[in-house]
C-alpha atoms as a PDB file:
ATOM      1  CA  MET A   1       0.507  -7.288  14.226  1.00  0.00           C
ATOM      2  CA  ASN A   2      -0.417  -5.285  11.124  1.00  0.00           C
ATOM      3  CA  LEU A   3      -1.598  -1.680  11.321  1.00  0.00           C
ATOM      4  CA  VAL A   4      -3.938  -0.321   8.652  1.00  0.00           C
ATOM      5  CA  THR A   5      -4.522   3.414   8.754  1.00  0.00           C
ATOM      6  CA  GLY A   6      -7.821   4.432   7.208  1.00  0.00           C
ATOM      7  CA  ALA A   7      -9.123   0.973   8.046  1.00  0.00           C
ATOM      8  CA  GLY A   8     -12.745   2.100   7.817  1.00  0.00           C
ATOM      9  CA  GLY A   9     -12.357   3.490   4.301  1.00  0.00           C
ATOM     10  CA  PHE A  10     -12.976   1.877   0.943  1.00  0.00           C
ATOM     11  CA  LEU A  11      -9.531   0.421   0.185  1.00  0.00           C
ATOM     12  CA  GLY A  12      -8.503   0.125   3.824  1.00  0.00           C
ATOM     13  CA  ARG A  13     -11.374  -2.188   4.646  1.00  0.00           C
ATOM     14  CA  TYR A  14     -10.514  -4.569   1.834  1.00  0.00           C
ATOM     15  CA  ILE A  15      -6.896  -4.694   2.987  1.00  0.00           C
ATOM     16  CA  VAL A  16      -8.104  -5.487   6.510  1.00  0.00           C
ATOM     17  CA  GLU A  17     -10.366  -8.250   5.237  1.00  0.00           C
ATOM     18  CA  GLN A  18      -7.620  -9.845   3.156  1.00  0.00           C
ATOM     19  CA  LEU A  19      -5.225  -9.795   6.112  1.00  0.00           C
ATOM     20  CA  LEU A  20      -7.854 -11.403   8.354  1.00  0.00           C
ATOM     21  CA  ALA A  21      -8.616 -13.999   5.673  1.00  0.00           C
ATOM     22  CA  ARG A  22      -5.062 -15.281   5.866  1.00  0.00           C
ATOM     23  CA  GLY A  23      -5.117 -15.412   9.648  1.00  0.00           C
ATOM     24  CA  GLU A  24      -3.147 -12.304  10.521  1.00  0.00           C
ATOM     25  CA  SER A  25      -3.784  -9.983  13.443  1.00  0.00           C
ATOM     26  CA  VAL A  26      -4.886  -6.484  12.489  1.00  0.00           C
ATOM     27  CA  ARG A  27      -5.081  -3.138  14.238  1.00  0.00           C
ATOM     28  CA  GLY A  28      -7.064  -0.416  12.505  1.00  0.00           C
ATOM     29  CA  PHE A  29      -6.570   3.324  12.892  1.00  0.00           C
ATOM     30  CA  ALA A  30      -9.473   5.534  11.853  1.00  0.00           C
ATOM     31  CA  ARG A  31     -11.344   8.718  12.718  1.00  0.00           C
ATOM     32  CA  GLY A  32     -14.710   7.053  13.252  1.00  0.00           C
ATOM     33  CA  HIS A  33     -16.215   4.094  15.070  1.00  0.00           C
ATOM     34  CA  TYR A  34     -16.457   0.830  13.124  1.00  0.00           C
ATOM     35  CA  PRO A  35     -18.133  -1.794  15.322  1.00  0.00           C
ATOM     36  CA  GLU A  36     -18.395  -4.209  12.394  1.00  0.00           C
ATOM     37  CA  LEU A  37     -14.601  -4.287  12.154  1.00  0.00           C
ATOM     38  CA  VAL A  38     -14.291  -4.846  15.889  1.00  0.00           C
ATOM     39  CA  SER A  39     -16.734  -7.740  15.675  1.00  0.00           C
ATOM     40  CA  SER A  40     -14.616  -9.286  12.922  1.00  0.00           C
ATOM     41  CA  GLY A  41     -11.594  -9.340  15.221  1.00  0.00           C
ATOM     42  CA  VAL A  42      -9.877  -6.033  14.394  1.00  0.00           C
ATOM     43  CA  GLU A  43      -8.343  -4.030  17.237  1.00  0.00           C
ATOM     44  CA  MET A  44      -9.649  -0.567  16.387  1.00  0.00           C
ATOM     45  CA  VAL A  45      -7.948   2.648  17.509  1.00  0.00           C
ATOM     46  CA  GLN A  46      -9.809   5.898  17.002  1.00  0.00           C
ATOM     47  CA  GLY A  47      -7.632   8.897  16.256  1.00  0.00           C
ATOM     48  CA  ASP A  48      -6.538  11.688  13.950  1.00  0.00           C
ATOM     49  CA  ILE A  49      -3.682  10.987  11.548  1.00  0.00           C
ATOM     50  CA  ARG A  50      -2.495  14.575  12.158  1.00  0.00           C
ATOM     51  CA  ASP A  51      -1.890  13.806  15.837  1.00  0.00           C
ATOM     52  CA  ALA A  52       1.684  12.527  16.080  1.00  0.00           C
ATOM     53  CA  GLN A  53       1.229  10.952  19.510  1.00  0.00           C
ATOM     54  CA  GLN A  54      -1.934   9.092  18.578  1.00  0.00           C
ATOM     55  CA  VAL A  55      -0.273   7.729  15.452  1.00  0.00           C
ATOM     56  CA  ALA A  56       2.877   6.728  17.336  1.00  0.00           C
ATOM     57  CA  ASP A  57       0.838   4.915  19.975  1.00  0.00           C
ATOM     58  CA  ALA A  58      -0.976   2.979  17.267  1.00  0.00           C
ATOM     59  CA  CYS A  59       2.368   1.768  15.871  1.00  0.00           C
ATOM     60  CA  GLY A  60       3.373   0.014  19.086  1.00  0.00           C
ATOM     61  CA  GLY A  61       3.895  -3.730  18.694  1.00  0.00           C
ATOM     62  CA  VAL A  62       3.407  -3.583  14.919  1.00  0.00           C
ATOM     63  CA  HIS A  63       5.648  -5.157  12.258  1.00  0.00           C
ATOM     64  CA  THR A  64       3.914  -3.856   9.100  1.00  0.00           C
ATOM     65  CA  VAL A  65       2.011  -0.636   8.465  1.00  0.00           C
ATOM     66  CA  TYR A  66      -0.329  -0.177   5.524  1.00  0.00           C
ATOM     67  CA  HIS A  67      -0.788   3.592   5.380  1.00  0.00           C
ATOM     68  CA  VAL A  68      -4.027   4.155   3.478  1.00  0.00           C
ATOM     69  CA  ALA A  69      -5.569   7.097   5.365  1.00  0.00           C
ATOM     70  CA  ALA A  70      -5.853  10.227   3.212  1.00  0.00           C
ATOM     71  CA  VAL A  71      -8.181  12.951   2.078  1.00  0.00           C
ATOM     72  CA  ALA A  72      -8.952  12.909  -1.645  1.00  0.00           C
ATOM     73  CA  GLY A  73     -10.635  15.534  -3.765  1.00  0.00           C
ATOM     74  CA  ILE A  74     -10.122  18.403  -6.183  1.00  0.00           C
ATOM     75  CA  TRP A  75     -11.008  21.348  -3.963  1.00  0.00           C
ATOM     76  CA  GLY A  76     -10.448  22.613  -0.448  1.00  0.00           C
ATOM     77  CA  PRO A  77      -7.867  24.384   1.708  1.00  0.00           C
ATOM     78  CA  TRP A  78      -4.183  23.513   1.484  1.00  0.00           C
ATOM     79  CA  GLU A  79      -3.995  23.120   5.251  1.00  0.00           C
ATOM     80  CA  ARG A  80      -6.448  20.228   5.238  1.00  0.00           C
ATOM     81  CA  TYR A  81      -4.784  18.289   2.425  1.00  0.00           C
ATOM     82  CA  HIS A  82      -1.269  18.959   3.691  1.00  0.00           C
ATOM     83  CA  GLY A  83      -2.163  18.176   7.294  1.00  0.00           C
ATOM     84  CA  ILE A  84      -3.755  14.820   6.519  1.00  0.00           C
ATOM     85  CA  ASN A  85      -1.827  13.625   3.485  1.00  0.00           C
ATOM     86  CA  THR A  86       1.660  14.994   4.122  1.00  0.00           C
ATOM     87  CA  VAL A  87       2.001  15.687   7.842  1.00  0.00           C
ATOM     88  CA  GLY A  88      -0.050  12.570   8.584  1.00  0.00           C
ATOM     89  CA  THR A  89       2.398  10.491   6.564  1.00  0.00           C
ATOM     90  CA  ASP A  90       5.338  12.102   8.368  1.00  0.00           C
ATOM     91  CA  ASN A  91       3.660  11.049  11.613  1.00  0.00           C
ATOM     92  CA  VAL A  92       3.349   7.475  10.384  1.00  0.00           C
ATOM     93  CA  ILE A  93       7.039   7.354   9.441  1.00  0.00           C
ATOM     94  CA  ALA A  94       7.981   8.745  12.861  1.00  0.00           C
ATOM     95  CA  GLY A  95       5.734   6.197  14.578  1.00  0.00           C
ATOM     96  CA  CYS A  96       7.386   3.392  12.628  1.00  0.00           C
ATOM     97  CA  ARG A  97      10.819   4.627  13.691  1.00  0.00           C
ATOM     98  CA  LYS A  98       9.827   4.950  17.329  1.00  0.00           C
ATOM     99  CA  HIS A  99       8.455   1.431  17.635  1.00  0.00           C
ATOM    100  CA  GLY A 100      10.747  -0.495  15.311  1.00  0.00           C
ATOM    101  CA  VAL A 101       8.196  -1.223  12.582  1.00  0.00           C
ATOM    102  CA  THR A 102      10.038  -3.018   9.786  1.00  0.00           C
ATOM    103  CA  LYS A 103       7.714  -2.499   6.795  1.00  0.00           C
ATOM    104  CA  LEU A 104       5.673   0.451   5.541  1.00  0.00           C
ATOM    105  CA  VAL A 105       3.446   0.207   2.461  1.00  0.00           C
ATOM    106  CA  PHE A 106       2.070   3.588   1.399  1.00  0.00           C
ATOM    107  CA  SER A 107      -1.080   4.013  -0.703  1.00  0.00           C
ATOM    108  CA  SER A 108      -0.100   6.751  -3.134  1.00  0.00           C
ATOM    109  CA  SER A 109      -1.763   7.857  -6.380  1.00  0.00           C
ATOM    110  CA  PRO A 110      -0.828   8.021 -10.082  1.00  0.00           C
ATOM    111  CA  SER A 111      -1.895  11.663  -9.961  1.00  0.00           C
ATOM    112  CA  VAL A 112       1.473  12.434  -8.328  1.00  0.00           C
ATOM    113  CA  THR A 113       2.927  12.423 -11.861  1.00  0.00           C
ATOM    114  CA  PHE A 114      -0.021  14.081 -13.659  1.00  0.00           C
ATOM    115  CA  ASP A 115       0.649  17.496 -15.203  1.00  0.00           C
ATOM    116  CA  GLY A 116      -2.537  17.816 -17.248  1.00  0.00           C
ATOM    117  CA  ARG A 117      -1.221  16.093 -20.363  1.00  0.00           C
ATOM    118  CA  ASP A 118      -1.706  12.600 -21.793  1.00  0.00           C
ATOM    119  CA  GLN A 119       0.137   9.763 -20.077  1.00  0.00           C
ATOM    120  CA  ASN A 120       0.273   6.925 -22.575  1.00  0.00           C
ATOM    121  CA  GLY A 121       1.789   3.807 -21.046  1.00  0.00           C
ATOM    122  CA  VAL A 122       4.221   5.680 -18.814  1.00  0.00           C
ATOM    123  CA  ASP A 123       6.209   3.871 -16.145  1.00  0.00           C
ATOM    124  CA  GLU A 124       7.628   4.919 -12.796  1.00  0.00           C
ATOM    125  CA  SER A 125      10.374   6.977 -14.438  1.00  0.00           C
ATOM    126  CA  ALA A 126       7.734   9.672 -15.098  1.00  0.00           C
ATOM    127  CA  PRO A 127       8.761  12.753 -13.078  1.00  0.00           C
ATOM    128  CA  TYR A 128       6.747  14.707 -10.548  1.00  0.00           C
ATOM    129  CA  PRO A 129       5.226  17.863 -12.109  1.00  0.00           C
ATOM    130  CA  VAL A 130       6.778  21.287 -11.667  1.00  0.00           C
ATOM    131  CA  THR A 131       3.367  22.869 -11.098  1.00  0.00           C
ATOM    132  CA  TRP A 132       0.227  21.359  -9.634  1.00  0.00           C
ATOM    133  CA  LEU A 133      -3.429  21.638 -10.638  1.00  0.00           C
ATOM    134  CA  CYS A 134      -4.807  20.916  -7.169  1.00  0.00           C
ATOM    135  CA  HIS A 135      -3.698  20.163  -3.626  1.00  0.00           C
ATOM    136  CA  TYR A 136      -4.436  16.433  -3.518  1.00  0.00           C
ATOM    137  CA  PRO A 137      -1.728  15.205  -5.930  1.00  0.00           C
ATOM    138  CA  HIS A 138       0.756  17.766  -4.615  1.00  0.00           C
ATOM    139  CA  THR A 139       0.389  16.674  -0.993  1.00  0.00           C
ATOM    140  CA  LYS A 140       0.384  12.992  -1.946  1.00  0.00           C
ATOM    141  CA  ALA A 141       3.593  13.496  -3.923  1.00  0.00           C
ATOM    142  CA  LEU A 142       5.262  15.117  -0.930  1.00  0.00           C
ATOM    143  CA  ALA A 143       4.122  12.193   1.216  1.00  0.00           C
ATOM    144  CA  GLU A 144       5.321   9.638  -1.329  1.00  0.00           C
ATOM    145  CA  GLN A 145       8.750  11.238  -1.518  1.00  0.00           C
ATOM    146  CA  ALA A 146       9.021  11.153   2.284  1.00  0.00           C
ATOM    147  CA  VAL A 147       8.071   7.481   2.391  1.00  0.00           C
ATOM    148  CA  LEU A 148      10.579   6.474  -0.284  1.00  0.00           C
ATOM    149  CA  ALA A 149      13.333   8.547   1.325  1.00  0.00           C
ATOM    150  CA  ALA A 150      12.663   6.792   4.652  1.00  0.00           C
ATOM    151  CA  ASN A 151      13.649   3.396   3.261  1.00  0.00           C
ATOM    152  CA  ASP A 152      16.749   2.036   4.988  1.00  0.00           C
ATOM    153  CA  ASP A 153      18.122  -1.079   6.663  1.00  0.00           C
ATOM    154  CA  SER A 154      15.700  -0.822   9.595  1.00  0.00           C
ATOM    155  CA  LEU A 155      12.519   0.267   7.796  1.00  0.00           C
ATOM    156  CA  SER A 156      11.586  -1.059   4.361  1.00  0.00           C
ATOM    157  CA  THR A 157       9.162   1.186   2.476  1.00  0.00           C
ATOM    158  CA  CYS A 158       7.360   1.322  -0.846  1.00  0.00           C
ATOM    159  CA  ALA A 159       4.606   3.368  -2.486  1.00  0.00           C
ATOM    160  CA  LEU A 160       1.758   1.937  -4.556  1.00  0.00           C
ATOM    161  CA  ARG A 161      -0.169   4.003  -7.093  1.00  0.00           C
ATOM    162  CA  PRO A 162      -3.525   2.329  -7.814  1.00  0.00           C
ATOM    163  CA  HIS A 163      -5.508   4.225 -10.448  1.00  0.00           C
ATOM    164  CA  LEU A 164      -9.262   4.868 -10.109  1.00  0.00           C
ATOM    165  CA  ILE A 165     -10.173   2.262  -7.502  1.00  0.00           C
ATOM    166  CA  TRP A 166     -13.721   0.976  -7.951  1.00  0.00           C
ATOM    167  CA  GLY A 167     -15.981  -1.821  -6.811  1.00  0.00           C
ATOM    168  CA  PRO A 168     -18.658  -2.680  -4.226  1.00  0.00           C
ATOM    169  CA  ARG A 169     -18.911  -0.348  -1.187  1.00  0.00           C
ATOM    170  CA  ASP A 170     -17.348   2.588  -3.055  1.00  0.00           C
ATOM    171  CA  GLN A 171     -18.667   5.809  -1.508  1.00  0.00           C
ATOM    172  CA  HIS A 172     -16.683   8.246  -3.650  1.00  0.00           C
ATOM    173  CA  LEU A 173     -16.128   7.632  -7.371  1.00  0.00           C
ATOM    174  CA  ILE A 174     -19.286   5.815  -8.408  1.00  0.00           C
ATOM    175  CA  PRO A 175     -21.743   7.868  -6.296  1.00  0.00           C
ATOM    176  CA  ARG A 176     -20.242  11.082  -7.708  1.00  0.00           C
ATOM    177  CA  LEU A 177     -20.624   9.835 -11.261  1.00  0.00           C
ATOM    178  CA  THR A 178     -24.184   8.640 -10.823  1.00  0.00           C
ATOM    179  CA  ASP A 179     -25.289  11.742  -8.904  1.00  0.00           C
ATOM    180  CA  ARG A 180     -23.905  14.072 -11.560  1.00  0.00           C
ATOM    181  CA  ALA A 181     -25.393  12.020 -14.373  1.00  0.00           C
ATOM    182  CA  ARG A 182     -28.844  11.948 -12.767  1.00  0.00           C
ATOM    183  CA  ALA A 183     -28.676  15.723 -12.320  1.00  0.00           C
ATOM    184  CA  GLY A 184     -27.726  16.194 -15.980  1.00  0.00           C
ATOM    185  CA  LYS A 185     -24.362  17.704 -14.993  1.00  0.00           C
ATOM    186  CA  LEU A 186     -22.046  15.188 -16.651  1.00  0.00           C
ATOM    187  CA  ARG A 187     -20.451  16.039 -20.000  1.00  0.00           C
ATOM    188  CA  ILE A 188     -17.986  14.237 -22.241  1.00  0.00           C
ATOM    189  CA  VAL A 189     -14.891  16.420 -22.066  1.00  0.00           C
ATOM    190  CA  GLY A 190     -12.763  16.433 -25.204  1.00  0.00           C
ATOM    191  CA  ASP A 191     -13.181  14.018 -28.111  1.00  0.00           C
ATOM    192  CA  GLY A 192     -14.319  11.113 -25.932  1.00  0.00           C
ATOM    193  CA  LYS A 193     -11.530   8.839 -27.218  1.00  0.00           C
ATOM    194  CA  ASN A 194      -9.216   9.027 -24.202  1.00  0.00           C
ATOM    195  CA  LEU A 195      -8.032   5.764 -22.675  1.00  0.00           C
ATOM    196  CA  ILE A 196      -7.657   5.325 -18.940  1.00  0.00           C
ATOM    197  CA  ASP A 197      -6.478   2.730 -16.473  1.00  0.00           C
ATOM    198  CA  MET A 198      -8.474   1.755 -13.412  1.00  0.00           C
ATOM    199  CA  ILE A 199      -8.328  -1.021 -10.817  1.00  0.00           C
ATOM    200  CA  TYR A 200     -10.855  -3.217  -9.062  1.00  0.00           C
ATOM    201  CA  VAL A 201     -10.637  -2.715  -5.317  1.00  0.00           C
ATOM    202  CA  GLU A 202      -9.790  -6.309  -4.374  1.00  0.00           C
ATOM    203  CA  ASN A 203      -6.866  -6.240  -6.816  1.00  0.00           C
ATOM    204  CA  ALA A 204      -5.626  -2.984  -5.291  1.00  0.00           C
ATOM    205  CA  ALA A 205      -5.832  -4.495  -1.807  1.00  0.00           C
ATOM    206  CA  SER A 206      -4.038  -7.712  -2.751  1.00  0.00           C
ATOM    207  CA  ALA A 207      -1.220  -5.671  -4.314  1.00  0.00           C
ATOM    208  CA  HIS A 208      -0.559  -4.110  -0.908  1.00  0.00           C
ATOM    209  CA  LEU A 209      -0.163  -7.514   0.699  1.00  0.00           C
ATOM    210  CA  LEU A 210       2.033  -8.783  -2.122  1.00  0.00           C
ATOM    211  CA  ALA A 211       4.293  -5.744  -1.878  1.00  0.00           C
ATOM    212  CA  ALA A 212       4.653  -6.151   1.889  1.00  0.00           C
ATOM    213  CA  ASP A 213       5.460  -9.848   1.517  1.00  0.00           C
ATOM    214  CA  ALA A 214       8.183  -9.035  -1.020  1.00  0.00           C
ATOM    215  CA  MET A 215       9.893  -6.365   1.083  1.00  0.00           C
ATOM    216  CA  ARG A 216      13.091  -7.773   2.474  1.00  0.00           C
ATOM    217  CA  PRO A 217      16.681  -6.484   2.516  1.00  0.00           C
ATOM    218  CA  GLY A 218      17.973  -6.202  -1.032  1.00  0.00           C
ATOM    219  CA  SER A 219      14.534  -6.439  -2.639  1.00  0.00           C
ATOM    220  CA  LYS A 220      13.805  -4.077  -5.531  1.00  0.00           C
ATOM    221  CA  VAL A 221      10.501  -3.274  -3.851  1.00  0.00           C
ATOM    222  CA  CYS A 222      12.209  -1.420  -1.016  1.00  0.00           C
ATOM    223  CA  GLY A 223      12.348   2.297  -1.708  1.00  0.00           C
ATOM    224  CA  SER A 224      10.334   2.009  -4.937  1.00  0.00           C
ATOM    225  CA  ALA A 225       7.014   3.304  -6.279  1.00  0.00           C
ATOM    226  CA  TYR A 226       4.661   1.244  -8.461  1.00  0.00           C
ATOM    227  CA  PHE A 227       1.737   1.965 -10.752  1.00  0.00           C
ATOM    228  CA  LEU A 228      -1.170  -0.473 -10.394  1.00  0.00           C
ATOM    229  CA  SER A 229      -4.120  -1.128 -12.688  1.00  0.00           C
ATOM    230  CA  GLN A 230      -6.284  -3.792 -14.322  1.00  0.00           C
ATOM    231  CA  ASP A 231      -3.552  -3.934 -16.997  1.00  0.00           C
ATOM    232  CA  GLU A 232      -6.073  -3.233 -19.756  1.00  0.00           C
ATOM    233  CA  PRO A 233      -6.863   0.430 -20.549  1.00  0.00           C
ATOM    234  CA  VAL A 234     -10.481   1.227 -21.350  1.00  0.00           C
ATOM    235  CA  ASN A 235     -12.174   4.081 -23.114  1.00  0.00           C
ATOM    236  CA  CYS A 236     -13.017   6.514 -20.317  1.00  0.00           C
ATOM    237  CA  TRP A 237     -16.503   7.387 -21.510  1.00  0.00           C
ATOM    238  CA  ASP A 238     -17.507   3.876 -22.568  1.00  0.00           C
ATOM    239  CA  TRP A 239     -16.602   2.696 -19.061  1.00  0.00           C
ATOM    240  CA  ILE A 240     -18.485   5.543 -17.397  1.00  0.00           C
ATOM    241  CA  ASN A 241     -21.554   4.753 -19.490  1.00  0.00           C
ATOM    242  CA  ASP A 242     -21.247   1.052 -18.594  1.00  0.00           C
ATOM    243  CA  ILE A 243     -21.365   2.035 -14.914  1.00  0.00           C
ATOM    244  CA  LEU A 244     -24.347   4.316 -15.467  1.00  0.00           C
ATOM    245  CA  ALA A 245     -26.156   1.507 -17.262  1.00  0.00           C
ATOM    246  CA  LEU A 246     -25.914  -0.640 -14.128  1.00  0.00           C
ATOM    247  CA  VAL A 247     -28.283   1.788 -12.388  1.00  0.00           C
ATOM    248  CA  ASP A 248     -30.453   2.509 -15.451  1.00  0.00           C
ATOM    249  CA  ILE A 249     -29.053   5.972 -16.147  1.00  0.00           C
ATOM    250  CA  PRO A 250     -28.923   6.943 -19.859  1.00  0.00           C
ATOM    251  CA  PRO A 251     -25.459   7.298 -21.370  1.00  0.00           C
ATOM    252  CA  VAL A 252     -23.679  10.624 -21.404  1.00  0.00           C
ATOM    253  CA  THR A 253     -23.893  12.175 -24.863  1.00  0.00           C
ATOM    254  CA  LYS A 254     -23.514  15.938 -24.356  1.00  0.00           C
ATOM    255  CA  ARG A 255     -20.024  17.268 -24.970  1.00  0.00           C
ATOM    256  CA  ILE A 256     -17.720  20.132 -24.099  1.00  0.00           C
ATOM    257  CA  SER A 257     -14.272  20.761 -25.534  1.00  0.00           C
ATOM    258  CA  LEU A 258     -11.221  20.472 -23.311  1.00  0.00           C
ATOM    259  CA  ARG A 259     -10.380  24.122 -23.917  1.00  0.00           C
ATOM    260  CA  ALA A 260     -13.878  25.246 -22.913  1.00  0.00           C
ATOM    261  CA  ALA A 261     -13.894  22.992 -19.832  1.00  0.00           C
ATOM    262  CA  TRP A 262     -10.391  24.149 -18.842  1.00  0.00           C
ATOM    263  CA  ASN A 263     -11.339  27.811 -19.176  1.00  0.00           C
ATOM    264  CA  LEU A 264     -14.577  27.249 -17.271  1.00  0.00           C
ATOM    265  CA  GLY A 265     -12.642  25.458 -14.536  1.00  0.00           C
ATOM    266  CA  HIS A 266     -10.114  28.268 -14.289  1.00  0.00           C
ATOM    267  CA  LEU A 267     -12.909  30.829 -14.088  1.00  0.00           C
ATOM    268  CA  MET A 268     -14.784  28.883 -11.414  1.00  0.00           C
ATOM    269  CA  GLU A 269     -11.656  28.297  -9.338  1.00  0.00           C
ATOM    270  CA  THR A 270     -10.873  32.017  -9.400  1.00  0.00           C
ATOM    271  CA  GLY A 271     -14.426  32.992  -8.524  1.00  0.00           C
ATOM    272  CA  TYR A 272     -14.719  30.489  -5.699  1.00  0.00           C
ATOM    273  CA  ARG A 273     -11.438  31.673  -4.176  1.00  0.00           C
ATOM    274  CA  LEU A 274     -12.393  35.341  -4.381  1.00  0.00           C
ATOM    275  CA  LEU A 275     -15.784  34.651  -2.807  1.00  0.00           C
ATOM    276  CA  GLY A 276     -14.395  32.253  -0.224  1.00  0.00           C
ATOM    277  CA  THR A 277     -16.823  29.557  -1.347  1.00  0.00           C
ATOM    278  CA  GLN A 278     -16.208  26.260   0.439  1.00  0.00           C
ATOM    279  CA  SER A 279     -18.258  23.979  -1.799  1.00  0.00           C
ATOM    280  CA  GLU A 280     -16.551  22.255  -4.720  1.00  0.00           C
ATOM    281  CA  PRO A 281     -16.769  23.918  -8.162  1.00  0.00           C
ATOM    282  CA  ARG A 282     -18.621  21.950 -10.791  1.00  0.00           C
ATOM    283  CA  MET A 283     -15.507  22.149 -12.964  1.00  0.00           C
ATOM    284  CA  THR A 284     -11.797  22.714 -12.277  1.00  0.00           C
ATOM    285  CA  ARG A 285      -8.723  22.582 -14.506  1.00  0.00           C
ATOM    286  CA  PHE A 286      -7.625  19.323 -12.878  1.00  0.00           C
ATOM    287  CA  LEU A 287     -11.020  17.715 -13.457  1.00  0.00           C
ATOM    288  CA  ALA A 288     -11.177  18.910 -17.068  1.00  0.00           C
ATOM    289  CA  ALA A 289      -7.756  17.442 -17.780  1.00  0.00           C
ATOM    290  CA  GLN A 290      -8.523  14.169 -16.006  1.00  0.00           C
ATOM    291  CA  LEU A 291     -11.732  13.678 -17.991  1.00  0.00           C
ATOM    292  CA  ALA A 292     -10.237  14.550 -21.388  1.00  0.00           C
ATOM    293  CA  THR A 293      -6.726  13.095 -21.424  1.00  0.00           C
ATOM    294  CA  SER A 294      -5.454   9.550 -21.620  1.00  0.00           C
ATOM    295  CA  HIS A 295      -3.711   8.218 -18.542  1.00  0.00           C
ATOM    296  CA  TYR A 296      -2.697   4.593 -18.508  1.00  0.00           C
ATOM    297  CA  PHE A 297       0.430   2.996 -17.155  1.00  0.00           C
ATOM    298  CA  ASP A 298       3.058   0.320 -17.629  1.00  0.00           C
ATOM    299  CA  ILE A 299       2.792  -1.996 -14.621  1.00  0.00           C
ATOM    300  CA  SER A 300       5.633  -4.299 -15.643  1.00  0.00           C
ATOM    301  CA  ASN A 301       7.635  -3.436 -12.534  1.00  0.00           C
ATOM    302  CA  ALA A 302       4.818  -4.437 -10.171  1.00  0.00           C
ATOM    303  CA  LYS A 303       4.492  -7.734 -12.028  1.00  0.00           C
ATOM    304  CA  ALA A 304       8.214  -8.446 -11.957  1.00  0.00           C
ATOM    305  CA  ASP A 305       9.105  -7.193  -8.479  1.00  0.00           C
ATOM    306  CA  PHE A 306       6.269  -8.560  -6.356  1.00  0.00           C
ATOM    307  CA  GLY A 307       4.185 -10.742  -8.631  1.00  0.00           C
ATOM    308  CA  TYR A 308       1.171  -8.478  -9.017  1.00  0.00           C
ATOM    309  CA  LYS A 309      -1.515  -9.439 -11.479  1.00  0.00           C
ATOM    310  CA  PRO A 310      -5.230  -8.589 -11.409  1.00  0.00           C
ATOM    311  CA  SER A 311      -6.882 -11.726 -10.063  1.00  0.00           C
ATOM    312  CA  VAL A 312     -10.363 -10.271 -10.583  1.00  0.00           C
ATOM    313  CA  SER A 313     -11.004  -9.386 -14.223  1.00  0.00           C
ATOM    314  CA  THR A 314     -12.756  -6.190 -15.235  1.00  0.00           C
ATOM    315  CA  ASP A 315     -15.782  -8.169 -16.467  1.00  0.00           C
ATOM    316  CA  GLU A 316     -16.036 -10.079 -13.198  1.00  0.00           C
ATOM    317  CA  GLY A 317     -15.568  -6.882 -11.226  1.00  0.00           C
ATOM    318  CA  MET A 318     -18.410  -5.230 -13.128  1.00  0.00           C
ATOM    319  CA  ARG A 319     -20.639  -8.222 -12.369  1.00  0.00           C
ATOM    320  CA  ARG A 320     -19.839  -7.934  -8.666  1.00  0.00           C
ATOM    321  CA  LEU A 321     -20.429  -4.187  -8.769  1.00  0.00           C
ATOM    322  CA  ALA A 322     -23.785  -4.686 -10.488  1.00  0.00           C
ATOM    323  CA  ASN A 323     -24.871  -7.197  -7.838  1.00  0.00           C
ATOM    324  CA  SER A 324     -23.871  -4.817  -5.038  1.00  0.00           C
ATOM    325  CA  LEU A 325     -25.785  -1.913  -6.598  1.00  0.00           C
ATOM    326  CA  LEU A 326     -28.908  -4.048  -6.942  1.00  0.00           C
ATOM    327  CA  LYS A 327     -28.823  -4.748  -3.192  1.00  0.00           C
ATOM    328  CA  ARG A 328     -28.882  -1.050  -2.237  1.00  0.00           C
END
């Protein structure tokens, strides 16, 4: 039995589908009800990742856990991010220990190494930052460190860092881009020449299965973290405009310098905190840096250690995304 936490989410659902496609039994753990997953043969457990007992119960009779559940974002209280991303991961590790789970694959993020500066072809030797620009990467880094430290002879663990997951059924990245663009609130930050990595969702999902298959005593995968991508950096703003074109939105042409966006983000963060505003600021320092800097990665280790390669090309992925958007 495989357990997928966050089974109803974007990446989690693709992992579930790929496991089912190769005839494996799957249990899903999620906050909501997903009758479509139940009808496809998934044993669904509804629960809160912050509840240690619920998580432990879900781990019973399981040999492999794919821990995908998380809260992403650039704004919000520390307690929420830490409770779900860090404490929730601690609960998963404890559940694995209690029930003798032998493999744990953790969905991490490349942002755990992002300090606001360019990352040009960096590999997994890149250190964690000393300071953090928002709670999401900080809490994911704490979770990743816990997962890697948990690797031992009884529980094999690894952490995967897929960058900018996109594709059909995305309810986060692409809707945010298109909504902001339609509202005239999207600006090219910086010189518009920054290169970024991203990954098509089916490639990200297949990497999780490949990593789990490769985890065995003595394997390099055990106790290691891996960057994942399409293995071909793209110009950030050309790619964003290609996505906007799929839904007939004009390309982004207005610009703002990184310094101006950074200062605006700092000002808005300060103001929102002082006022106790719960909604997300239009700009933050983390967002400014993400939109203006280059961040692409060397994925040689994922290729060598568990045979990862993007089976769906970027062009094919864009065709599939376009078809899915036309059906909405």
